[in-house]
């Protein structure tokens, strides 16, 4: 998914957790689903950022000087990722828009036994 095109808010928004929990019937399950998705998004963004910043990595053989050379493009990439909504906000927006698929094996097992 392209996280750059998300319509998630950039700042924290107060949500009605009871209304959000209607899909699952349980507030804690809802929080767990959003938390797991936020971890996935965070890992994806980290991999993507590391891949882009690896292009700027230079092997520094002179260990006596700990001077960091800053590259303008590298700074712009870092700033872009800093301005993105936080993974929890993206995950919450995906959940609200019903873009997340989730299942609870315990609930499915109970329905099969009925």
PDB file of N, CA and C in Angstrom:
ATOM      1  N   UNK A   1       0.838  -1.183   0.000  1.00  0.00           N
ATOM      2  CA  UNK A   1       0.000   0.000   0.000  1.00  0.00           C
ATOM      3  C   UNK A   1       0.878   1.239   0.000  1.00  0.00           C
ATOM      4  N   UNK A   2       0.388   2.257  -0.643  1.00  0.00           N
ATOM      5  CA  UNK A   2       1.143   3.506  -0.714  1.00  0.00           C
ATOM      6  C   UNK A   2       0.724   4.401   0.447  1.00  0.00           C
ATOM      7  N   UNK A   3       1.577   4.458   1.452  1.00  0.00           N
ATOM      8  CA  UNK A   3       1.264   5.226   2.656  1.00  0.00           C
ATOM      9  C   UNK A   3       1.352   6.726   2.419  1.00  0.00           C
ATOM     10  N   UNK A   4       1.956   7.120   1.318  1.00  0.00           N
ATOM     11  CA  UNK A   4       2.100   8.539   1.025  1.00  0.00           C
ATOM     12  C   UNK A   4       0.773   9.157   0.582  1.00  0.00           C
ATOM     13  N   UNK A   5      -0.142   8.306   0.112  1.00  0.00           N
ATOM     14  CA  UNK A   5      -1.419   8.798  -0.397  1.00  0.00           C
ATOM     15  C   UNK A   5      -2.560   8.559   0.580  1.00  0.00           C
ATOM     16  N   UNK A   6      -2.257   8.278   1.809  1.00  0.00           N
ATOM     17  CA  UNK A   6      -3.293   8.034   2.803  1.00  0.00           C
ATOM     18  C   UNK A   6      -3.973   9.332   3.202  1.00  0.00           C
ATOM     19  N   UNK A   7      -5.217   9.215   3.605  1.00  0.00           N
ATOM     20  CA  UNK A   7      -5.926  10.412   4.070  1.00  0.00           C
ATOM     21  C   UNK A   7      -6.025  10.415   5.593  1.00  0.00           C
ATOM     22  N   UNK A   8      -5.064   9.766   6.232  1.00  0.00           N
ATOM     23  CA  UNK A   8      -5.004   9.752   7.695  1.00  0.00           C
ATOM     24  C   UNK A   8      -4.596  11.133   8.191  1.00  0.00           C
ATOM     25  N   UNK A   9      -5.131  11.541   9.339  1.00  0.00           N
ATOM     26  CA  UNK A   9      -4.761  12.856   9.880  1.00  0.00           C
ATOM     27  C   UNK A   9      -3.303  12.872  10.336  1.00  0.00           C
ATOM     28  N   UNK A  10      -2.709  14.044  10.324  1.00  0.00           N
ATOM     29  CA  UNK A  10      -1.319  14.182  10.753  1.00  0.00           C
ATOM     30  C   UNK A  10      -1.187  14.318  12.259  1.00  0.00           C
ATOM     31  N   UNK A  11      -2.276  14.670  12.917  1.00  0.00           N
ATOM     32  CA  UNK A  11      -2.256  14.819  14.361  1.00  0.00           C
ATOM     33  C   UNK A  11      -3.253  13.856  14.988  1.00  0.00           C
ATOM     34  N   UNK A  12      -3.140  13.695  16.273  1.00  0.00           N
ATOM     35  CA  UNK A  12      -4.012  12.785  17.000  1.00  0.00           C
ATOM     36  C   UNK A  12      -5.442  13.306  17.001  1.00  0.00           C
ATOM     37  N   UNK A  13      -6.369  12.390  16.782  1.00  0.00           N
ATOM     38  CA  UNK A  13      -7.787  12.726  16.757  1.00  0.00           C
ATOM     39  C   UNK A  13      -8.491  11.869  17.798  1.00  0.00           C
ATOM     40  N   UNK A  14      -9.391  12.465  18.565  1.00  0.00           N
ATOM     41  CA  UNK A  14     -10.157  11.717  19.554  1.00  0.00           C
ATOM     42  C   UNK A  14     -11.204  10.892  18.826  1.00  0.00           C
ATOM     43  N   UNK A  15     -11.257   9.607  19.164  1.00  0.00           N
ATOM     44  CA  UNK A  15     -12.193   8.692  18.508  1.00  0.00           C
ATOM     45  C   UNK A  15     -13.143   8.091  19.529  1.00  0.00           C
ATOM     46  N   UNK A  16     -14.315   7.716  19.063  1.00  0.00           N
ATOM     47  CA  UNK A  16     -15.285   7.011  19.894  1.00  0.00           C
ATOM     48  C   UNK A  16     -14.962   5.518  19.802  1.00  0.00           C
ATOM     49  N   UNK A  17     -14.324   4.986  20.826  1.00  0.00           N
ATOM     50  CA  UNK A  17     -13.879   3.588  20.800  1.00  0.00           C
ATOM     51  C   UNK A  17     -15.048   2.605  20.762  1.00  0.00           C
ATOM     52  N   UNK A  18     -16.157   2.960  21.362  1.00  0.00           N
ATOM     53  CA  UNK A  18     -17.321   2.073  21.342  1.00  0.00           C
ATOM     54  C   UNK A  18     -17.824   1.916  19.908  1.00  0.00           C
ATOM     55  N   UNK A  19     -17.871   3.019  19.180  1.00  0.00           N
ATOM     56  CA  UNK A  19     -18.303   2.971  17.784  1.00  0.00           C
ATOM     57  C   UNK A  19     -17.288   2.213  16.928  1.00  0.00           C
ATOM     58  N   UNK A  20     -16.015   2.405  17.221  1.00  0.00           N
ATOM     59  CA  UNK A  20     -14.976   1.705  16.453  1.00  0.00           C
ATOM     60  C   UNK A  20     -15.008   0.200  16.714  1.00  0.00           C
ATOM     61  N   UNK A  21     -15.432  -0.185  17.895  1.00  0.00           N
ATOM     62  CA  UNK A  21     -15.419  -1.602  18.268  1.00  0.00           C
ATOM     63  C   UNK A  21     -16.625  -2.364  17.730  1.00  0.00           C
ATOM     64  N   UNK A  22     -17.501  -1.710  16.987  1.00  0.00           N
ATOM     65  CA  UNK A  22     -18.680  -2.397  16.463  1.00  0.00           C
ATOM     66  C   UNK A  22     -18.318  -3.535  15.517  1.00  0.00           C
ATOM     67  N   UNK A  23     -17.226  -3.400  14.764  1.00  0.00           N
ATOM     68  CA  UNK A  23     -16.817  -4.457  13.826  1.00  0.00           C
ATOM     69  C   UNK A  23     -16.446  -5.739  14.553  1.00  0.00           C
ATOM     70  N   UNK A  24     -15.785  -5.610  15.688  1.00  0.00           N
ATOM     71  CA  UNK A  24     -15.295  -6.783  16.406  1.00  0.00           C
ATOM     72  C   UNK A  24     -16.159  -7.140  17.598  1.00  0.00           C
ATOM     73  N   UNK A  25     -16.829  -6.160  18.155  1.00  0.00           N
ATOM     74  CA  UNK A  25     -17.619  -6.396  19.357  1.00  0.00           C
ATOM     75  C   UNK A  25     -16.802  -6.309  20.629  1.00  0.00           C
ATOM     76  N   UNK A  26     -15.531  -5.933  20.509  1.00  0.00           N
ATOM     77  CA  UNK A  26     -14.644  -5.896  21.657  1.00  0.00           C
ATOM     78  C   UNK A  26     -13.630  -4.762  21.465  1.00  0.00           C
ATOM     79  N   UNK A  27     -13.558  -3.845  22.399  1.00  0.00           N
ATOM     80  CA  UNK A  27     -12.647  -2.707  22.313  1.00  0.00           C
ATOM     81  C   UNK A  27     -11.192  -3.182  22.288  1.00  0.00           C
ATOM     82  N   UNK A  28     -10.862  -4.147  23.117  1.00  0.00           N
ATOM     83  CA  UNK A  28      -9.478  -4.616  23.220  1.00  0.00           C
ATOM     84  C   UNK A  28      -9.037  -5.326  21.948  1.00  0.00           C
ATOM     85  N   UNK A  29      -9.939  -6.051  21.339  1.00  0.00           N
ATOM     86  CA  UNK A  29      -9.617  -6.714  20.075  1.00  0.00           C
ATOM     87  C   UNK A  29      -9.384  -5.674  18.979  1.00  0.00           C
ATOM     88  N   UNK A  30     -10.181  -4.638  18.994  1.00  0.00           N
ATOM     89  CA  UNK A  30     -10.018  -3.551  18.028  1.00  0.00           C
ATOM     90  C   UNK A  30      -8.652  -2.888  18.182  1.00  0.00           C
ATOM     91  N   UNK A  31      -8.277  -2.587  19.414  1.00  0.00           N
ATOM     92  CA  UNK A  31      -6.977  -1.967  19.682  1.00  0.00           C
ATOM     93  C   UNK A  31      -5.846  -2.903  19.248  1.00  0.00           C
ATOM     94  N   UNK A  32      -6.004  -4.173  19.495  1.00  0.00           N
ATOM     95  CA  UNK A  32      -4.990  -5.160  19.111  1.00  0.00           C
ATOM     96  C   UNK A  32      -4.824  -5.208  17.586  1.00  0.00           C
ATOM     97  N   UNK A  33      -5.930  -5.201  16.870  1.00  0.00           N
ATOM     98  CA  UNK A  33      -5.894  -5.229  15.402  1.00  0.00           C
ATOM     99  C   UNK A  33      -5.182  -3.994  14.867  1.00  0.00           C
ATOM    100  N   UNK A  34      -5.558  -2.835  15.376  1.00  0.00           N
ATOM    101  CA  UNK A  34      -4.935  -1.583  14.926  1.00  0.00           C
ATOM    102  C   UNK A  34      -3.455  -1.568  15.289  1.00  0.00           C
ATOM    103  N   UNK A  35      -3.110  -2.059  16.480  1.00  0.00           N
ATOM    104  CA  UNK A  35      -1.707  -2.105  16.907  1.00  0.00           C
ATOM    105  C   UNK A  35      -0.860  -3.006  16.035  1.00  0.00           C
ATOM    106  N   UNK A  36      -1.387  -4.172  15.687  1.00  0.00           N
ATOM    107  CA  UNK A  36      -0.630  -5.094  14.821  1.00  0.00           C
ATOM    108  C   UNK A  36      -0.438  -4.505  13.437  1.00  0.00           C
ATOM    109  N   UNK A  37      -1.470  -3.861  12.915  1.00  0.00           N
ATOM    110  CA  UNK A  37      -1.348  -3.235  11.599  1.00  0.00           C
ATOM    111  C   UNK A  37      -0.356  -2.075  11.655  1.00  0.00           C
ATOM    112  N   UNK A  38      -0.359  -1.316  12.737  1.00  0.00           N
ATOM    113  CA  UNK A  38       0.593  -0.209  12.890  1.00  0.00           C
ATOM    114  C   UNK A  38       2.027  -0.734  12.903  1.00  0.00           C
ATOM    115  N   UNK A  39       2.257  -1.873  13.540  1.00  0.00           N
ATOM    116  CA  UNK A  39       3.594  -2.477  13.540  1.00  0.00           C
ATOM    117  C   UNK A  39       4.009  -2.878  12.130  1.00  0.00           C
ATOM    118  N   UNK A  40       3.079  -3.427  11.342  1.00  0.00           N
ATOM    119  CA  UNK A  40       3.378  -3.785   9.957  1.00  0.00           C
ATOM    120  C   UNK A  40       3.739  -2.550   9.135  1.00  0.00           C
ATOM    121  N   UNK A  41       2.955  -1.504   9.300  1.00  0.00           N
ATOM    122  CA  UNK A  41       3.203  -0.264   8.554  1.00  0.00           C
ATOM    123  C   UNK A  41       4.552   0.325   8.951  1.00  0.00           C
ATOM    124  N   UNK A  42       4.841   0.331  10.233  1.00  0.00           N
ATOM    125  CA  UNK A  42       6.116   0.866  10.721  1.00  0.00           C
ATOM    126  C   UNK A  42       7.297   0.096  10.127  1.00  0.00           C
ATOM    127  N   UNK A  43       7.191  -1.225  10.095  1.00  0.00           N
ATOM    128  CA  UNK A  43       8.266  -2.048   9.533  1.00  0.00           C
ATOM    129  C   UNK A  43       8.429  -1.776   8.041  1.00  0.00           C
ATOM    130  N   UNK A  44       7.312  -1.633   7.320  1.00  0.00           N
ATOM    131  CA  UNK A  44       7.378  -1.336   5.886  1.00  0.00           C
ATOM    132  C   UNK A  44       8.035   0.010   5.622  1.00  0.00           C
ATOM    133  N   UNK A  45       7.629   1.016   6.385  1.00  0.00           N
ATOM    134  CA  UNK A  45       8.209   2.351   6.207  1.00  0.00           C
ATOM    135  C   UNK A  45       9.699   2.354   6.540  1.00  0.00           C
ATOM    136  N   UNK A  46      10.078   1.614   7.573  1.00  0.00           N
ATOM    137  CA  UNK A  46      11.490   1.552   7.965  1.00  0.00           C
ATOM    138  C   UNK A  46      12.327   0.910   6.865  1.00  0.00           C
ATOM    139  N   UNK A  47      11.828  -0.188   6.297  1.00  0.00           N
ATOM    140  CA  UNK A  47      12.549  -0.858   5.206  1.00  0.00           C
ATOM    141  C   UNK A  47      12.696   0.064   4.006  1.00  0.00           C
ATOM    142  N   UNK A  48      11.604   0.748   3.673  1.00  0.00           N
ATOM    143  CA  UNK A  48      11.612   1.652   2.527  1.00  0.00           C
ATOM    144  C   UNK A  48      12.598   2.800   2.741  1.00  0.00           C
ATOM    145  N   UNK A  49      12.594   3.382   3.937  1.00  0.00           N
ATOM    146  CA  UNK A  49      13.504   4.482   4.236  1.00  0.00           C
ATOM    147  C   UNK A  49      14.956   4.010   4.227  1.00  0.00           C
ATOM    148  N   UNK A  50      15.223   2.868   4.843  1.00  0.00           N
ATOM    149  CA  UNK A  50      16.592   2.345   4.864  1.00  0.00           C
ATOM    150  C   UNK A  50      17.098   2.054   3.460  1.00  0.00           C
ATOM    151  N   UNK A  51      16.204   1.564   2.599  1.00  0.00           N
ATOM    152  CA  UNK A  51      16.580   1.274   1.210  1.00  0.00           C
ATOM    153  C   UNK A  51      16.968   2.555   0.485  1.00  0.00           C
ATOM    154  N   UNK A  52      16.181   3.617   0.690  1.00  0.00           N
ATOM    155  CA  UNK A  52      16.481   4.887   0.030  1.00  0.00           C
ATOM    156  C   UNK A  52      17.740   5.533   0.592  1.00  0.00           C
ATOM    157  N   UNK A  53      17.944   5.435   1.915  1.00  0.00           N
ATOM    158  CA  UNK A  53      19.127   6.051   2.517  1.00  0.00           C
ATOM    159  C   UNK A  53      20.394   5.247   2.248  1.00  0.00           C
ATOM    160  N   UNK A  54      20.237   3.960   1.931  1.00  0.00           N
ATOM    161  CA  UNK A  54      21.410   3.132   1.620  1.00  0.00           C
ATOM    162  C   UNK A  54      22.111   3.612   0.358  1.00  0.00           C
ATOM    163  N   UNK A  55      21.384   4.265  -0.507  1.00  0.00           N
ATOM    164  CA  UNK A  55      21.988   4.805  -1.726  1.00  0.00           C
ATOM    165  C   UNK A  55      23.025   5.880  -1.416  1.00  0.00           C
ATOM    166  N   UNK A  56      22.862   6.517  -0.262  1.00  0.00           N
ATOM    167  CA  UNK A  56      23.767   7.599   0.113  1.00  0.00           C
ATOM    168  C   UNK A  56      24.904   7.130   1.014  1.00  0.00           C
ATOM    169  N   UNK A  57      24.874   5.879   1.404  1.00  0.00           N
ATOM    170  CA  UNK A  57      25.894   5.359   2.317  1.00  0.00           C
ATOM    171  C   UNK A  57      27.248   5.317   1.617  1.00  0.00           C
ATOM    172  N   UNK A  58      28.251   5.803   2.306  1.00  0.00           N
ATOM    173  CA  UNK A  58      29.617   5.756   1.783  1.00  0.00           C
ATOM    174  C   UNK A  58      30.490   5.044   2.792  1.00  0.00           C
ATOM    175  N   UNK A  59      31.420   4.314   2.284  1.00  0.00           N
ATOM    176  CA  UNK A  59      32.320   3.623   3.205  1.00  0.00           C
ATOM    177  C   UNK A  59      33.394   4.602   3.657  1.00  0.00           C
ATOM    178  N   UNK A  60      33.440   4.836   4.961  1.00  0.00           N
ATOM    179  CA  UNK A  60      34.387   5.774   5.537  1.00  0.00           C
ATOM    180  C   UNK A  60      35.540   4.970   6.130  1.00  0.00           C
ATOM    181  N   UNK A  61      36.681   4.982   5.462  1.00  0.00           N
ATOM    182  CA  UNK A  61      37.834   4.210   5.922  1.00  0.00           C
ATOM    183  C   UNK A  61      38.645   4.970   6.962  1.00  0.00           C
ATOM    184  N   UNK A  62      38.477   6.265   7.056  1.00  0.00           N
ATOM    185  CA  UNK A  62      39.224   7.069   8.006  1.00  0.00           C
ATOM    186  C   UNK A  62      38.414   7.179   9.300  1.00  0.00           C
ATOM    187  N   UNK A  63      38.746   6.343  10.277  1.00  0.00           N
ATOM    188  CA  UNK A  63      38.003   6.312  11.529  1.00  0.00           C
ATOM    189  C   UNK A  63      38.391   7.443  12.479  1.00  0.00           C
ATOM    190  N   UNK A  64      39.491   8.113  12.219  1.00  0.00           N
ATOM    191  CA  UNK A  64      39.932   9.160  13.129  1.00  0.00           C
ATOM    192  C   UNK A  64      39.025  10.389  13.050  1.00  0.00           C
ATOM    193  N   UNK A  65      38.431  10.587  11.926  1.00  0.00           N
ATOM    194  CA  UNK A  65      37.528  11.734  11.780  1.00  0.00           C
ATOM    195  C   UNK A  65      36.091  11.228  11.754  1.00  0.00           C
ATOM    196  N   UNK A  66      35.330  11.694  12.690  1.00  0.00           N
ATOM    197  CA  UNK A  66      33.930  11.303  12.754  1.00  0.00           C
ATOM    198  C   UNK A  66      33.050  12.423  12.216  1.00  0.00           C
ATOM    199  N   UNK A  67      33.349  12.797  11.019  1.00  0.00           N
ATOM    200  CA  UNK A  67      32.628  13.879  10.390  1.00  0.00           C
ATOM    201  C   UNK A  67      31.557  13.300   9.474  1.00  0.00           C
ATOM    202  N   UNK A  68      30.371  13.795   9.618  1.00  0.00           N
ATOM    203  CA  UNK A  68      29.264  13.306   8.809  1.00  0.00           C
ATOM    204  C   UNK A  68      29.009  14.298   7.692  1.00  0.00           C
ATOM    205  N   UNK A  69      29.091  13.806   6.496  1.00  0.00           N
ATOM    206  CA  UNK A  69      28.794  14.688   5.372  1.00  0.00           C
ATOM    207  C   UNK A  69      27.306  14.581   5.071  1.00  0.00           C
ATOM    208  N   UNK A  70      26.647  15.693   5.087  1.00  0.00           N
ATOM    209  CA  UNK A  70      25.211  15.717   4.874  1.00  0.00           C
ATOM    210  C   UNK A  70      24.910  15.960   3.410  1.00  0.00           C
ATOM    211  N   UNK A  71      24.032  15.167   2.923  1.00  0.00           N
ATOM    212  CA  UNK A  71      23.615  15.274   1.541  1.00  0.00           C
ATOM    213  C   UNK A  71      22.222  15.887   1.512  1.00  0.00           C
ATOM    214  N   UNK A  72      22.030  16.857   0.674  1.00  0.00           N
ATOM    215  CA  UNK A  72      20.752  17.560   0.607  1.00  0.00           C
ATOM    216  C   UNK A  72      19.597  16.622   0.274  1.00  0.00           C
ATOM    217  N   UNK A  73      19.811  15.724  -0.670  1.00  0.00           N
ATOM    218  CA  UNK A  73      18.761  14.775  -1.044  1.00  0.00           C
ATOM    219  C   UNK A  73      18.412  13.860   0.125  1.00  0.00           C
ATOM    220  N   UNK A  74      19.405  13.455   0.852  1.00  0.00           N
ATOM    221  CA  UNK A  74      19.202  12.587   2.007  1.00  0.00           C
ATOM    222  C   UNK A  74      18.359  13.300   3.074  1.00  0.00           C
ATOM    223  N   UNK A  75      18.624  14.553   3.281  1.00  0.00           N
ATOM    224  CA  UNK A  75      17.866  15.347   4.253  1.00  0.00           C
ATOM    225  C   UNK A  75      16.420  15.485   3.791  1.00  0.00           C
ATOM    226  N   UNK A  76      16.213  15.709   2.510  1.00  0.00           N
ATOM    227  CA  UNK A  76      14.856  15.855   1.983  1.00  0.00           C
ATOM    228  C   UNK A  76      14.060  14.561   2.126  1.00  0.00           C
ATOM    229  N   UNK A  77      14.695  13.440   1.883  1.00  0.00           N
ATOM    230  CA  UNK A  77      14.026  12.140   2.040  1.00  0.00           C
ATOM    231  C   UNK A  77      13.644  11.928   3.497  1.00  0.00           C
ATOM    232  N   UNK A  78      14.559  12.222   4.398  1.00  0.00           N
ATOM    233  CA  UNK A  78      14.283  12.067   5.825  1.00  0.00           C
ATOM    234  C   UNK A  78      13.135  12.966   6.265  1.00  0.00           C
ATOM    235  N   UNK A  79      13.132  14.198   5.793  1.00  0.00           N
ATOM    236  CA  UNK A  79      12.054  15.132   6.158  1.00  0.00           C
ATOM    237  C   UNK A  79      10.704  14.646   5.636  1.00  0.00           C
ATOM    238  N   UNK A  80      10.712  14.100   4.410  1.00  0.00           N
ATOM    239  CA  UNK A  80       9.471  13.596   3.832  1.00  0.00           C
ATOM    240  C   UNK A  80       8.868  12.508   4.719  1.00  0.00           C
ATOM    241  N   UNK A  81       9.696  11.566   5.160  1.00  0.00           N
ATOM    242  CA  UNK A  81       9.201  10.475   5.992  1.00  0.00           C
ATOM    243  C   UNK A  81       8.792  10.956   7.382  1.00  0.00           C
ATOM    244  N   UNK A  82       9.437  11.990   7.873  1.00  0.00           N
ATOM    245  CA  UNK A  82       9.054  12.550   9.170  1.00  0.00           C
ATOM    246  C   UNK A  82       7.695  13.229   9.112  1.00  0.00           C
ATOM    247  N   UNK A  83       7.320  13.754   7.952  1.00  0.00           N
ATOM    248  CA  UNK A  83       6.055  14.464   7.803  1.00  0.00           C
ATOM    249  C   UNK A  83       4.869  13.524   7.568  1.00  0.00           C
ATOM    250  N   UNK A  84       5.129  12.270   7.277  1.00  0.00           N
ATOM    251  CA  UNK A  84       4.037  11.313   7.071  1.00  0.00           C
ATOM    252  C   UNK A  84       3.279  11.100   8.380  1.00  0.00           C
ATOM    253  N   UNK A  85       2.007  10.736   8.297  1.00  0.00           N
ATOM    254  CA  UNK A  85       1.279  10.413   9.532  1.00  0.00           C
ATOM    255  C   UNK A  85       1.925   9.223  10.233  1.00  0.00           C
ATOM    256  N   UNK A  86       1.796   9.173  11.531  1.00  0.00           N
ATOM    257  CA  UNK A  86       2.362   8.074  12.310  1.00  0.00           C
ATOM    258  C   UNK A  86       1.655   6.773  11.937  1.00  0.00           C
ATOM    259  N   UNK A  87       2.356   5.640  12.029  1.00  0.00           N
ATOM    260  CA  UNK A  87       1.754   4.351  11.661  1.00  0.00           C
ATOM    261  C   UNK A  87       0.448   4.044  12.389  1.00  0.00           C
ATOM    262  N   UNK A  88       0.328   4.459  13.646  1.00  0.00           N
ATOM    263  CA  UNK A  88      -0.918   4.194  14.368  1.00  0.00           C
ATOM    264  C   UNK A  88      -2.086   4.973  13.766  1.00  0.00           C
ATOM    265  N   UNK A  89      -1.826   6.187  13.297  1.00  0.00           N
ATOM    266  CA  UNK A  89      -2.881   6.985  12.673  1.00  0.00           C
ATOM    267  C   UNK A  89      -3.283   6.399  11.323  1.00  0.00           C
ATOM    268  N   UNK A  90      -2.298   5.898  10.570  1.00  0.00           N
ATOM    269  CA  UNK A  90      -2.601   5.269   9.291  1.00  0.00           C
ATOM    270  C   UNK A  90      -3.414   3.993   9.514  1.00  0.00           C
ATOM    271  N   UNK A  91      -2.999   3.181  10.480  1.00  0.00           N
ATOM    272  CA  UNK A  91      -3.703   1.936  10.777  1.00  0.00           C
ATOM    273  C   UNK A  91      -5.125   2.200  11.253  1.00  0.00           C
ATOM    274  N   UNK A  92      -5.303   3.201  12.078  1.00  0.00           N
ATOM    275  CA  UNK A  92      -6.638   3.549  12.558  1.00  0.00           C
ATOM    276  C   UNK A  92      -7.531   3.992  11.410  1.00  0.00           C
ATOM    277  N   UNK A  93      -6.985   4.784  10.506  1.00  0.00           N
ATOM    278  CA  UNK A  93      -7.763   5.240   9.355  1.00  0.00           C
ATOM    279  C   UNK A  93      -8.143   4.062   8.465  1.00  0.00           C
ATOM    280  N   UNK A  94      -7.224   3.130   8.248  1.00  0.00           N
ATOM    281  CA  UNK A  94      -7.523   1.939   7.460  1.00  0.00           C
ATOM    282  C   UNK A  94      -8.640   1.129   8.115  1.00  0.00           C
ATOM    283  N   UNK A  95      -8.593   1.015   9.429  1.00  0.00           N
ATOM    284  CA  UNK A  95      -9.615   0.269  10.162  1.00  0.00           C
ATOM    285  C   UNK A  95     -10.981   0.941  10.022  1.00  0.00           C
ATOM    286  N   UNK A  96     -11.011   2.248  10.183  1.00  0.00           N
ATOM    287  CA  UNK A  96     -12.269   2.988  10.081  1.00  0.00           C
ATOM    288  C   UNK A  96     -12.855   2.876   8.671  1.00  0.00           C
ATOM    289  N   UNK A  97     -11.990   2.917   7.658  1.00  0.00           N
ATOM    290  CA  UNK A  97     -12.444   2.817   6.273  1.00  0.00           C
ATOM    291  C   UNK A  97     -12.694   1.368   5.851  1.00  0.00           C
ATOM    292  N   UNK A  98     -12.542   0.447   6.790  1.00  0.00           N
ATOM    293  CA  UNK A  98     -12.760  -0.991   6.557  1.00  0.00           C
ATOM    294  C   UNK A  98     -11.867  -1.539   5.441  1.00  0.00           C
ATOM    295  N   UNK A  99     -10.612  -1.106   5.439  1.00  0.00           N
ATOM    296  CA  UNK A  99      -9.633  -1.576   4.469  1.00  0.00           C
ATOM    297  C   UNK A  99      -8.775  -2.708   5.036  1.00  0.00           C
ATOM    298  N   UNK A 100      -9.013  -3.063   6.295  1.00  0.00           N
ATOM    299  CA  UNK A 100      -8.234  -4.118   6.938  1.00  0.00           C
ATOM    300  C   UNK A 100      -9.003  -5.427   6.946  1.00  0.00           C
ATOM    301  N   UNK A 101      -8.302  -6.508   6.640  1.00  0.00           N
ATOM    302  CA  UNK A 101      -8.883  -7.831   6.795  1.00  0.00           C
ATOM    303  C   UNK A 101      -8.325  -8.408   8.086  1.00  0.00           C
ATOM    304  N   UNK A 102      -9.201  -8.915   8.932  1.00  0.00           N
ATOM    305  CA  UNK A 102      -8.749  -9.531  10.161  1.00  0.00           C
ATOM    306  C   UNK A 102      -9.689 -10.679  10.493  1.00  0.00           C
ATOM    307  N   UNK A 103      -9.169 -11.628  11.212  1.00  0.00           N
ATOM    308  CA  UNK A 103      -9.996 -12.751  11.660  1.00  0.00           C
ATOM    309  C   UNK A 103      -9.520 -13.184  13.034  1.00  0.00           C
ATOM    310  N   UNK A 104     -10.425 -13.764  13.785  1.00  0.00           N
ATOM    311  CA  UNK A 104     -10.117 -14.280  15.104  1.00  0.00           C
ATOM    312  C   UNK A 104     -10.355 -15.788  15.063  1.00  0.00           C
ATOM    313  N   UNK A 105      -9.294 -16.590  15.048  1.00  0.00           N
ATOM    314  CA  UNK A 105      -9.450 -18.042  14.955  1.00  0.00           C
ATOM    315  C   UNK A 105     -10.300 -18.630  16.079  1.00  0.00           C
ATOM    316  N   UNK A 106     -10.255 -18.031  17.259  1.00  0.00           N
ATOM    317  CA  UNK A 106     -11.055 -18.550  18.364  1.00  0.00           C
ATOM    318  C   UNK A 106     -12.543 -18.360  18.107  1.00  0.00           C
ATOM    319  N   UNK A 107     -12.914 -17.213  17.558  1.00  0.00           N
ATOM    320  CA  UNK A 107     -14.324 -16.969  17.249  1.00  0.00           C
ATOM    321  C   UNK A 107     -14.798 -17.870  16.119  1.00  0.00           C
ATOM    322  N   UNK A 108     -13.938 -18.070  15.117  1.00  0.00           N
ATOM    323  CA  UNK A 108     -14.295 -18.941  14.000  1.00  0.00           C
ATOM    324  C   UNK A 108     -14.474 -20.378  14.469  1.00  0.00           C
ATOM    325  N   UNK A 109     -13.637 -20.811  15.393  1.00  0.00           N
ATOM    326  CA  UNK A 109     -13.731 -22.152  15.938  1.00  0.00           C
ATOM    327  C   UNK A 109     -15.051 -22.327  16.686  1.00  0.00           C
ATOM    328  N   UNK A 110     -15.458 -21.318  17.449  1.00  0.00           N
ATOM    329  CA  UNK A 110     -16.719 -21.388  18.190  1.00  0.00           C
ATOM    330  C   UNK A 110     -17.904 -21.467  17.237  1.00  0.00           C
ATOM    331  N   UNK A 111     -17.839 -20.728  16.105  1.00  0.00           N
ATOM    332  CA  UNK A 111     -18.940 -20.758  15.146  1.00  0.00           C
ATOM    333  C   UNK A 111     -19.037 -22.112  14.460  1.00  0.00           C
ATOM    334  N   UNK A 112     -17.915 -22.777  14.259  1.00  0.00           N
ATOM    335  CA  UNK A 112     -17.928 -24.106  13.641  1.00  0.00           C
ATOM    336  C   UNK A 112     -18.507 -25.152  14.569  1.00  0.00           C
ATOM    337  N   UNK A 113     -18.334 -24.965  15.862  1.00  0.00           N
ATOM    338  CA  UNK A 113     -18.835 -25.931  16.836  1.00  0.00           C
ATOM    339  C   UNK A 113     -20.335 -25.779  17.108  1.00  0.00           C
ATOM    340  N   UNK A 114     -20.924 -24.653  16.701  1.00  0.00           N
ATOM    341  CA  UNK A 114     -22.357 -24.412  16.952  1.00  0.00           C
ATOM    342  C   UNK A 114     -23.245 -25.277  16.095  1.00  0.00           C
TER     343      UNK A 114
END
